[in-house]
C-alpha atoms as a PDB file:
ATOM      1  CA  UNK A   1     188.156   8.871 -55.369  1.00  0.00           C
ATOM      2  CA  UNK A   2     188.633  11.732 -57.863  1.00  0.00           C
ATOM      3  CA  UNK A   3     188.129   9.335 -60.808  1.00  0.00           C
ATOM      4  CA  UNK A   4     184.903   8.065 -59.240  1.00  0.00           C
ATOM      5  CA  UNK A   5     183.628  11.602 -58.803  1.00  0.00           C
ATOM      6  CA  UNK A   6     184.454  12.495 -62.416  1.00  0.00           C
ATOM      7  CA  UNK A   7     182.762   9.323 -63.642  1.00  0.00           C
ATOM      8  CA  UNK A   8     179.658  10.041 -61.582  1.00  0.00           C
ATOM      9  CA  UNK A   9     179.532  13.609 -62.889  1.00  0.00           C
ATOM     10  CA  UNK A  10     179.751  12.447 -66.501  1.00  0.00           C
ATOM     11  CA  UNK A  11     177.067   9.820 -65.919  1.00  0.00           C
ATOM     12  CA  UNK A  12     174.697  12.349 -64.366  1.00  0.00           C
ATOM     13  CA  UNK A  13     175.349  14.751 -67.217  1.00  0.00           C
ATOM     14  CA  UNK A  14     174.515  12.049 -69.746  1.00  0.00           C
ATOM     15  CA  UNK A  15     171.296  11.156 -67.967  1.00  0.00           C
ATOM     16  CA  UNK A  16     170.330  14.835 -67.795  1.00  0.00           C
ATOM     17  CA  UNK A  17     170.915  15.216 -71.519  1.00  0.00           C
ATOM     18  CA  UNK A  18     168.750  12.186 -72.244  1.00  0.00           C
ATOM     19  CA  UNK A  19     166.060  13.449 -69.912  1.00  0.00           C
ATOM     20  CA  UNK A  20     165.936  16.762 -71.757  1.00  0.00           C
ATOM     21  CA  UNK A  21     165.125  15.097 -75.098  1.00  0.00           C
ATOM     22  CA  UNK A  22     161.511  15.461 -76.229  1.00  0.00           C
ATOM     23  CA  UNK A  23     159.099  13.275 -78.168  1.00  0.00           C
ATOM     24  CA  UNK A  24     156.940  15.385 -80.476  1.00  0.00           C
ATOM     25  CA  UNK A  25     153.995  14.791 -82.769  1.00  0.00           C
ATOM     26  CA  UNK A  26     153.518  17.580 -85.314  1.00  0.00           C
ATOM     27  CA  UNK A  27     150.303  17.829 -87.328  1.00  0.00           C
ATOM     28  CA  UNK A  28     150.281  20.198 -90.323  1.00  0.00           C
ATOM     29  CA  UNK A  29     146.866  20.980 -91.827  1.00  0.00           C
ATOM     30  CA  UNK A  30     146.359  22.703 -95.181  1.00  0.00           C
ATOM     31  CA  UNK A  31     143.692  25.356 -94.520  1.00  0.00           C
ATOM     32  CA  UNK A  32     143.296  26.528 -98.125  1.00  0.00           C
ATOM     33  CA  UNK A  33     140.502  25.737-100.547  1.00  0.00           C
ATOM     34  CA  UNK A  34     142.525  25.075-103.685  1.00  0.00           C
ATOM     35  CA  UNK A  35     146.254  25.219-102.916  1.00  0.00           C
ATOM     36  CA  UNK A  36     148.558  22.236-102.503  1.00  0.00           C
ATOM     37  CA  UNK A  37     151.799  21.915-100.530  1.00  0.00           C
ATOM     38  CA  UNK A  38     154.870  20.328-102.057  1.00  0.00           C
ATOM     39  CA  UNK A  39     156.604  17.812 -99.722  1.00  0.00           C
ATOM     40  CA  UNK A  40     156.913  19.305 -96.253  1.00  0.00           C
ATOM     41  CA  UNK A  41     160.073  19.806 -94.251  1.00  0.00           C
ATOM     42  CA  UNK A  42     159.521  19.667 -90.484  1.00  0.00           C
ATOM     43  CA  UNK A  43     162.567  20.295 -88.312  1.00  0.00           C
ATOM     44  CA  UNK A  44     163.589  20.732 -84.696  1.00  0.00           C
ATOM     45  CA  UNK A  45     166.875  22.626 -84.654  1.00  0.00           C
ATOM     46  CA  UNK A  46     169.104  24.860 -82.562  1.00  0.00           C
ATOM     47  CA  UNK A  47     168.722  28.578 -81.923  1.00  0.00           C
ATOM     48  CA  UNK A  48     171.422  29.538 -84.425  1.00  0.00           C
ATOM     49  CA  UNK A  49     169.621  27.962 -87.398  1.00  0.00           C
ATOM     50  CA  UNK A  50     167.025  29.692 -89.604  1.00  0.00           C
ATOM     51  CA  UNK A  51     165.398  28.386 -92.773  1.00  0.00           C
ATOM     52  CA  UNK A  52     164.190  31.867 -93.647  1.00  0.00           C
ATOM     53  CA  UNK A  53     163.712  35.289 -92.130  1.00  0.00           C
ATOM     54  CA  UNK A  54     161.046  37.765 -93.175  1.00  0.00           C
ATOM     55  CA  UNK A  55     162.545  41.011 -94.411  1.00  0.00           C
ATOM     56  CA  UNK A  56     165.779  39.369 -95.549  1.00  0.00           C
ATOM     57  CA  UNK A  57     166.777  38.040 -98.990  1.00  0.00           C
ATOM     58  CA  UNK A  58     166.059  34.375 -99.609  1.00  0.00           C
ATOM     59  CA  UNK A  59     169.003  32.006 -99.559  1.00  0.00           C
ATOM     60  CA  UNK A  60     169.650  29.842-102.644  1.00  0.00           C
ATOM     61  CA  UNK A  61     168.310  26.855-100.693  1.00  0.00           C
ATOM     62  CA  UNK A  62     165.105  28.673 -99.773  1.00  0.00           C
ATOM     63  CA  UNK A  63     164.711  29.872-103.353  1.00  0.00           C
ATOM     64  CA  UNK A  64     164.965  26.312-104.667  1.00  0.00           C
ATOM     65  CA  UNK A  65     162.222  25.227-102.267  1.00  0.00           C
ATOM     66  CA  UNK A  66     159.944  28.230-102.870  1.00  0.00           C
ATOM     67  CA  UNK A  67     160.181  28.145-106.685  1.00  0.00           C
ATOM     68  CA  UNK A  68     160.245  24.399-107.282  1.00  0.00           C
ATOM     69  CA  UNK A  69     159.684  22.467-104.055  1.00  0.00           C
ATOM     70  CA  UNK A  70     163.306  21.278-103.876  1.00  0.00           C
ATOM     71  CA  UNK A  71     164.172  20.560-100.233  1.00  0.00           C
ATOM     72  CA  UNK A  72     167.741  19.362-100.822  1.00  0.00           C
ATOM     73  CA  UNK A  73     169.556  22.560 -99.876  1.00  0.00           C
ATOM     74  CA  UNK A  74     167.525  23.173 -96.737  1.00  0.00           C
ATOM     75  CA  UNK A  75     167.888  19.565 -95.583  1.00  0.00           C
ATOM     76  CA  UNK A  76     171.660  19.785 -96.057  1.00  0.00           C
ATOM     77  CA  UNK A  77     171.744  22.978 -93.974  1.00  0.00           C
ATOM     78  CA  UNK A  78     169.786  21.338 -91.168  1.00  0.00           C
ATOM     79  CA  UNK A  79     171.799  18.140 -91.203  1.00  0.00           C
ATOM     80  CA  UNK A  80     175.000  20.151 -90.899  1.00  0.00           C
ATOM     81  CA  UNK A  81     173.516  21.848 -87.830  1.00  0.00           C
ATOM     82  CA  UNK A  82     172.583  18.513 -86.211  1.00  0.00           C
ATOM     83  CA  UNK A  83     168.835  19.080 -86.543  1.00  0.00           C
ATOM     84  CA  UNK A  84     166.145  16.436 -86.120  1.00  0.00           C
ATOM     85  CA  UNK A  85     164.125  16.345 -89.341  1.00  0.00           C
ATOM     86  CA  UNK A  86     160.996  14.818 -90.804  1.00  0.00           C
ATOM     87  CA  UNK A  87     161.049  15.092 -94.603  1.00  0.00           C
ATOM     88  CA  UNK A  88     157.845  14.619 -96.620  1.00  0.00           C
ATOM     89  CA  UNK A  89     155.623  13.278 -93.808  1.00  0.00           C
ATOM     90  CA  UNK A  90     152.606  13.396 -96.153  1.00  0.00           C
ATOM     91  CA  UNK A  91     154.301  11.030 -98.583  1.00  0.00           C
ATOM     92  CA  UNK A  92     153.750  13.506-101.426  1.00  0.00           C
ATOM     93  CA  UNK A  93     151.633  16.597-101.963  1.00  0.00           C
ATOM     94  CA  UNK A  94     149.344  17.791 -99.179  1.00  0.00           C
ATOM     95  CA  UNK A  95     145.983  18.788-100.616  1.00  0.00           C
ATOM     96  CA  UNK A  96     143.400  21.286 -99.368  1.00  0.00           C
ATOM     97  CA  UNK A  97     141.951  20.238 -96.016  1.00  0.00           C
ATOM     98  CA  UNK A  98     144.443  17.409 -95.562  1.00  0.00           C
ATOM     99  CA  UNK A  99     146.715  16.838 -92.564  1.00  0.00           C
ATOM    100  CA  UNK A 100     150.223  15.399 -92.472  1.00  0.00           C
ATOM    101  CA  UNK A 101     151.671  14.024 -89.239  1.00  0.00           C
ATOM    102  CA  UNK A 102     155.366  14.025 -88.388  1.00  0.00           C
ATOM    103  CA  UNK A 103     157.096  12.445 -85.398  1.00  0.00           C
ATOM    104  CA  UNK A 104     160.321  13.825 -83.978  1.00  0.00           C
ATOM    105  CA  UNK A 105     162.565  12.735 -81.135  1.00  0.00           C
ATOM    106  CA  UNK A 106     164.591  15.858 -80.482  1.00  0.00           C
ATOM    107  CA  UNK A 107     168.062  16.318 -79.094  1.00  0.00           C
ATOM    108  CA  UNK A 108     168.350  18.529 -76.045  1.00  0.00           C
ATOM    109  CA  UNK A 109     169.773  21.477 -78.040  1.00  0.00           C
ATOM    110  CA  UNK A 110     167.122  21.346 -80.760  1.00  0.00           C
ATOM    111  CA  UNK A 111     164.507  23.543 -79.109  1.00  0.00           C
ATOM    112  CA  UNK A 112     163.169  25.405 -82.163  1.00  0.00           C
ATOM    113  CA  UNK A 113     160.616  24.216 -84.701  1.00  0.00           C
ATOM    114  CA  UNK A 114     160.420  25.175 -88.376  1.00  0.00           C
ATOM    115  CA  UNK A 115     158.033  23.997 -91.102  1.00  0.00           C
ATOM    116  CA  UNK A 116     158.231  24.874 -94.812  1.00  0.00           C
ATOM    117  CA  UNK A 117     156.765  23.769 -98.151  1.00  0.00           C
ATOM    118  CA  UNK A 118     156.094  25.401-101.504  1.00  0.00           C
ATOM    119  CA  UNK A 119     152.529  26.493-102.262  1.00  0.00           C
ATOM    120  CA  UNK A 120     151.166  25.276-105.600  1.00  0.00           C
ATOM    121  CA  UNK A 121     150.108  26.943-107.811  1.00  0.00           C
ATOM    122  CA  UNK A 122     152.305  29.972-107.011  1.00  0.00           C
ATOM    123  CA  UNK A 123     155.529  31.284-108.505  1.00  0.00           C
ATOM    124  CA  UNK A 124     157.589  31.418-105.306  1.00  0.00           C
ATOM    125  CA  UNK A 125     155.104  31.184-102.455  1.00  0.00           C
ATOM    126  CA  UNK A 126     155.670  28.951 -99.448  1.00  0.00           C
ATOM    127  CA  UNK A 127     154.093  28.091 -96.133  1.00  0.00           C
ATOM    128  CA  UNK A 128     156.532  28.953 -93.369  1.00  0.00           C
ATOM    129  CA  UNK A 129     156.787  28.502 -89.618  1.00  0.00           C
ATOM    130  CA  UNK A 130     160.039  30.148 -88.615  1.00  0.00           C
ATOM    131  CA  UNK A 131     161.959  28.848 -85.601  1.00  0.00           C
ATOM    132  CA  UNK A 132     159.270  28.933 -82.900  1.00  0.00           C
ATOM    133  CA  UNK A 133     160.334  27.853 -79.424  1.00  0.00           C
ATOM    134  CA  UNK A 134     159.173  24.324 -78.649  1.00  0.00           C
ATOM    135  CA  UNK A 135     157.392  24.294 -75.271  1.00  0.00           C
ATOM    136  CA  UNK A 136     159.108  22.305 -72.541  1.00  0.00           C
ATOM    137  CA  UNK A 137     155.967  21.051 -70.799  1.00  0.00           C
ATOM    138  CA  UNK A 138     153.806  18.260 -72.159  1.00  0.00           C
ATOM    139  CA  UNK A 139     150.562  19.275 -73.873  1.00  0.00           C
ATOM    140  CA  UNK A 140     149.147  20.398 -77.237  1.00  0.00           C
ATOM    141  CA  UNK A 141     150.162  23.724 -78.757  1.00  0.00           C
ATOM    142  CA  UNK A 142     148.753  25.370 -81.889  1.00  0.00           C
ATOM    143  CA  UNK A 143     150.149  27.886 -84.386  1.00  0.00           C
ATOM    144  CA  UNK A 144     148.373  29.358 -87.402  1.00  0.00           C
ATOM    145  CA  UNK A 145     150.893  29.829 -90.180  1.00  0.00           C
ATOM    146  CA  UNK A 146     151.145  32.353 -93.011  1.00  0.00           C
ATOM    147  CA  UNK A 147     152.104  32.009 -96.638  1.00  0.00           C
ATOM    148  CA  UNK A 148     155.247  33.916 -97.625  1.00  0.00           C
ATOM    149  CA  UNK A 149     156.689  35.145-100.910  1.00  0.00           C
ATOM    150  CA  UNK A 150     160.399  34.407-101.348  1.00  0.00           C
ATOM    151  CA  UNK A 151     160.848  37.611-103.347  1.00  0.00           C
ATOM    152  CA  UNK A 152     162.915  35.778-105.941  1.00  0.00           C
ATOM    153  CA  UNK A 153     160.453  35.610-108.842  1.00  0.00           C
ATOM    154  CA  UNK A 154     157.731  37.855-110.239  1.00  0.00           C
ATOM    155  CA  UNK A 155     154.237  36.540-109.569  1.00  0.00           C
ATOM    156  CA  UNK A 156     153.278  36.258-113.220  1.00  0.00           C
ATOM    157  CA  UNK A 157     150.711  33.499-112.498  1.00  0.00           C
ATOM    158  CA  UNK A 158     151.603  31.615-115.672  1.00  0.00           C
ATOM    159  CA  UNK A 159     151.455  27.805-115.380  1.00  0.00           C
ATOM    160  CA  UNK A 160     154.182  26.657-117.747  1.00  0.00           C
ATOM    161  CA  UNK A 161     156.128  23.918-115.987  1.00  0.00           C
ATOM    162  CA  UNK A 162     158.688  26.357-114.589  1.00  0.00           C
ATOM    163  CA  UNK A 163     160.099  25.814-111.147  1.00  0.00           C
ATOM    164  CA  UNK A 164     163.855  25.739-111.489  1.00  0.00           C
ATOM    165  CA  UNK A 165     165.452  28.822-109.897  1.00  0.00           C
ATOM    166  CA  UNK A 166     165.625  31.581-112.481  1.00  0.00           C
ATOM    167  CA  UNK A 167     163.010  30.023-114.780  1.00  0.00           C
ATOM    168  CA  UNK A 168     159.827  32.136-114.611  1.00  0.00           C
ATOM    169  CA  UNK A 169     156.511  30.414-114.233  1.00  0.00           C
ATOM    170  CA  UNK A 170     154.552  28.010-112.051  1.00  0.00           C
ATOM    171  CA  UNK A 171     155.475  24.307-112.127  1.00  0.00           C
ATOM    172  CA  UNK A 172     151.889  22.998-112.133  1.00  0.00           C
ATOM    173  CA  UNK A 173     148.417  23.217-110.677  1.00  0.00           C
ATOM    174  CA  UNK A 174     147.958  19.855-108.933  1.00  0.00           C
ATOM    175  CA  UNK A 175     144.195  20.399-108.768  1.00  0.00           C
ATOM    176  CA  UNK A 176     143.942  20.803-112.530  1.00  0.00           C
ATOM    177  CA  UNK A 177     141.930  24.017-112.331  1.00  0.00           C
ATOM    178  CA  UNK A 178     144.293  26.290-114.234  1.00  0.00           C
ATOM    179  CA  UNK A 179     143.784  27.955-117.589  1.00  0.00           C
ATOM    180  CA  UNK A 180     146.377  28.511-120.291  1.00  0.00           C
ATOM    181  CA  UNK A 181     147.671  31.163-122.647  1.00  0.00           C
ATOM    182  CA  UNK A 182     147.944  33.993-120.110  1.00  0.00           C
ATOM    183  CA  UNK A 183     150.246  36.902-120.840  1.00  0.00           C
ATOM    184  CA  UNK A 184     151.161  37.320-117.172  1.00  0.00           C
ATOM    185  CA  UNK A 185     150.055  39.503-114.282  1.00  0.00           C
ATOM    186  CA  UNK A 186     153.485  41.124-113.894  1.00  0.00           C
ATOM    187  CA  UNK A 187     157.089  40.702-114.961  1.00  0.00           C
ATOM    188  CA  UNK A 188     158.518  42.553-111.951  1.00  0.00           C
ATOM    189  CA  UNK A 189     159.113  41.684-108.308  1.00  0.00           C
ATOM    190  CA  UNK A 190     158.882  44.899-106.310  1.00  0.00           C
ATOM    191  CA  UNK A 191     160.081  43.397-103.020  1.00  0.00           C
ATOM    192  CA  UNK A 192     163.185  41.184-103.408  1.00  0.00           C
ATOM    193  CA  UNK A 193     163.087  40.050 -99.779  1.00  0.00           C
ATOM    194  CA  UNK A 194     161.004  37.400 -98.023  1.00  0.00           C
ATOM    195  CA  UNK A 195     157.605  38.919 -97.283  1.00  0.00           C
ATOM    196  CA  UNK A 196     153.962  38.043 -96.705  1.00  0.00           C
ATOM    197  CA  UNK A 197     152.549  36.705 -99.954  1.00  0.00           C
ATOM    198  CA  UNK A 198     150.006  39.028-101.613  1.00  0.00           C
ATOM    199  CA  UNK A 199     147.861  36.100-102.721  1.00  0.00           C
ATOM    200  CA  UNK A 200     146.508  35.332-106.173  1.00  0.00           C
ATOM    201  CA  UNK A 201     145.079  37.908-108.589  1.00  0.00           C
ATOM    202  CA  UNK A 202     143.717  35.468-111.181  1.00  0.00           C
ATOM    203  CA  UNK A 203     141.089  36.003-113.866  1.00  0.00           C
ATOM    204  CA  UNK A 204     138.079  34.180-115.276  1.00  0.00           C
ATOM    205  CA  UNK A 205     139.492  33.676-118.790  1.00  0.00           C
ATOM    206  CA  UNK A 206     140.589  30.008-119.179  1.00  0.00           C
ATOM    207  CA  UNK A 207     142.320  30.541-122.539  1.00  0.00           C
ATOM    208  CA  UNK A 208     144.116  33.862-122.102  1.00  0.00           C
ATOM    209  CA  UNK A 209     143.965  36.996-120.004  1.00  0.00           C
ATOM    210  CA  UNK A 210     146.526  38.057-117.440  1.00  0.00           C
ATOM    211  CA  UNK A 211     146.556  34.909-115.310  1.00  0.00           C
ATOM    212  CA  UNK A 212     146.283  31.146-115.700  1.00  0.00           C
ATOM    213  CA  UNK A 213     144.762  30.992-112.210  1.00  0.00           C
ATOM    214  CA  UNK A 214     141.057  31.202-111.420  1.00  0.00           C
ATOM    215  CA  UNK A 215     140.345  33.302-108.310  1.00  0.00           C
ATOM    216  CA  UNK A 216     137.248  31.191-107.609  1.00  0.00           C
ATOM    217  CA  UNK A 217     139.552  28.175-107.219  1.00  0.00           C
ATOM    218  CA  UNK A 218     142.984  29.481-106.309  1.00  0.00           C
ATOM    219  CA  UNK A 219     142.427  32.665-104.324  1.00  0.00           C
ATOM    220  CA  UNK A 220     143.705  32.376-100.762  1.00  0.00           C
ATOM    221  CA  UNK A 221     144.309  34.536 -97.722  1.00  0.00           C
ATOM    222  CA  UNK A 222     146.433  34.025 -94.630  1.00  0.00           C
ATOM    223  CA  UNK A 223     146.736  31.931 -92.587  1.00  0.00           C
ATOM    224  CA  UNK A 224     147.267  28.954 -94.895  1.00  0.00           C
ATOM    225  CA  UNK A 225     148.157  26.279 -92.342  1.00  0.00           C
ATOM    226  CA  UNK A 226     147.573  25.083 -88.814  1.00  0.00           C
ATOM    227  CA  UNK A 227     150.420  23.417 -86.977  1.00  0.00           C
ATOM    228  CA  UNK A 228     149.583  21.472 -83.827  1.00  0.00           C
ATOM    229  CA  UNK A 229     152.494  20.215 -81.736  1.00  0.00           C
ATOM    230  CA  UNK A 230     151.983  17.574 -79.070  1.00  0.00           C
ATOM    231  CA  UNK A 231     154.791  17.465 -76.539  1.00  0.00           C
ATOM    232  CA  UNK A 232     154.518  14.004 -75.039  1.00  0.00           C
ATOM    233  CA  UNK A 233     154.787  13.442 -71.340  1.00  0.00           C
ATOM    234  CA  UNK A 234     158.036  11.940 -70.122  1.00  0.00           C
ATOM    235  CA  UNK A 235     158.208   9.458 -67.269  1.00  0.00           C
ATOM    236  CA  UNK A 236     159.942  11.918 -64.926  1.00  0.00           C
ATOM    237  CA  UNK A 237     157.500  14.796 -65.674  1.00  0.00           C
ATOM    238  CA  UNK A 238     155.204  15.959 -62.887  1.00  0.00           C
ATOM    239  CA  UNK A 239     151.465  15.688 -63.518  1.00  0.00           C
ATOM    240  CA  UNK A 240     151.184  19.476 -63.556  1.00  0.00           C
END
């Protein structure tokens, strides 16, 4: 009798765990006029996991993403934590006005959603949704998301193919609207912690000046993204 009771308890526990899993559709829309996102990382993870935290120094993995779009370190962190991930749902860069859609089937402990991608053209700017609680009830939920500065590189606004951590400069302007020959807006980073990005200074000189970026093309303000999460109805959910 005791064995039967234990078996029944384990079976019920397994069914409860399965019932607590969620099916999610996550739509990420680029709200900027001239900024592109490097491949997105969309993750449902546990409460103990953070990809970044405003006011704290960037991790090496975050720095690699924010300066060059490299997701490898962050993906490894999430996989070690048992997260449910969607990597590069856009299949490449996500241009202005475009939407990428990710689908996640989450484990019962992965109740927090994070989204990150580098912003191009910036030195170390990234779009970041930091560990928001995934709603339990079915429906559509919307967040407007800011652009952050990793605080790891001065925003010199020079497009020179840089992007590796510790190599100053912007990897590229995917829209092809950049100038060349700039001497740089600044060589200093005054805030070495993750913070709200100040945006682009730019100038109108395509062959010199302080910046290789044109404010008429590249200037942006927060928010830079809209994230819409659809929590799909499960068979056992009530209609309300």
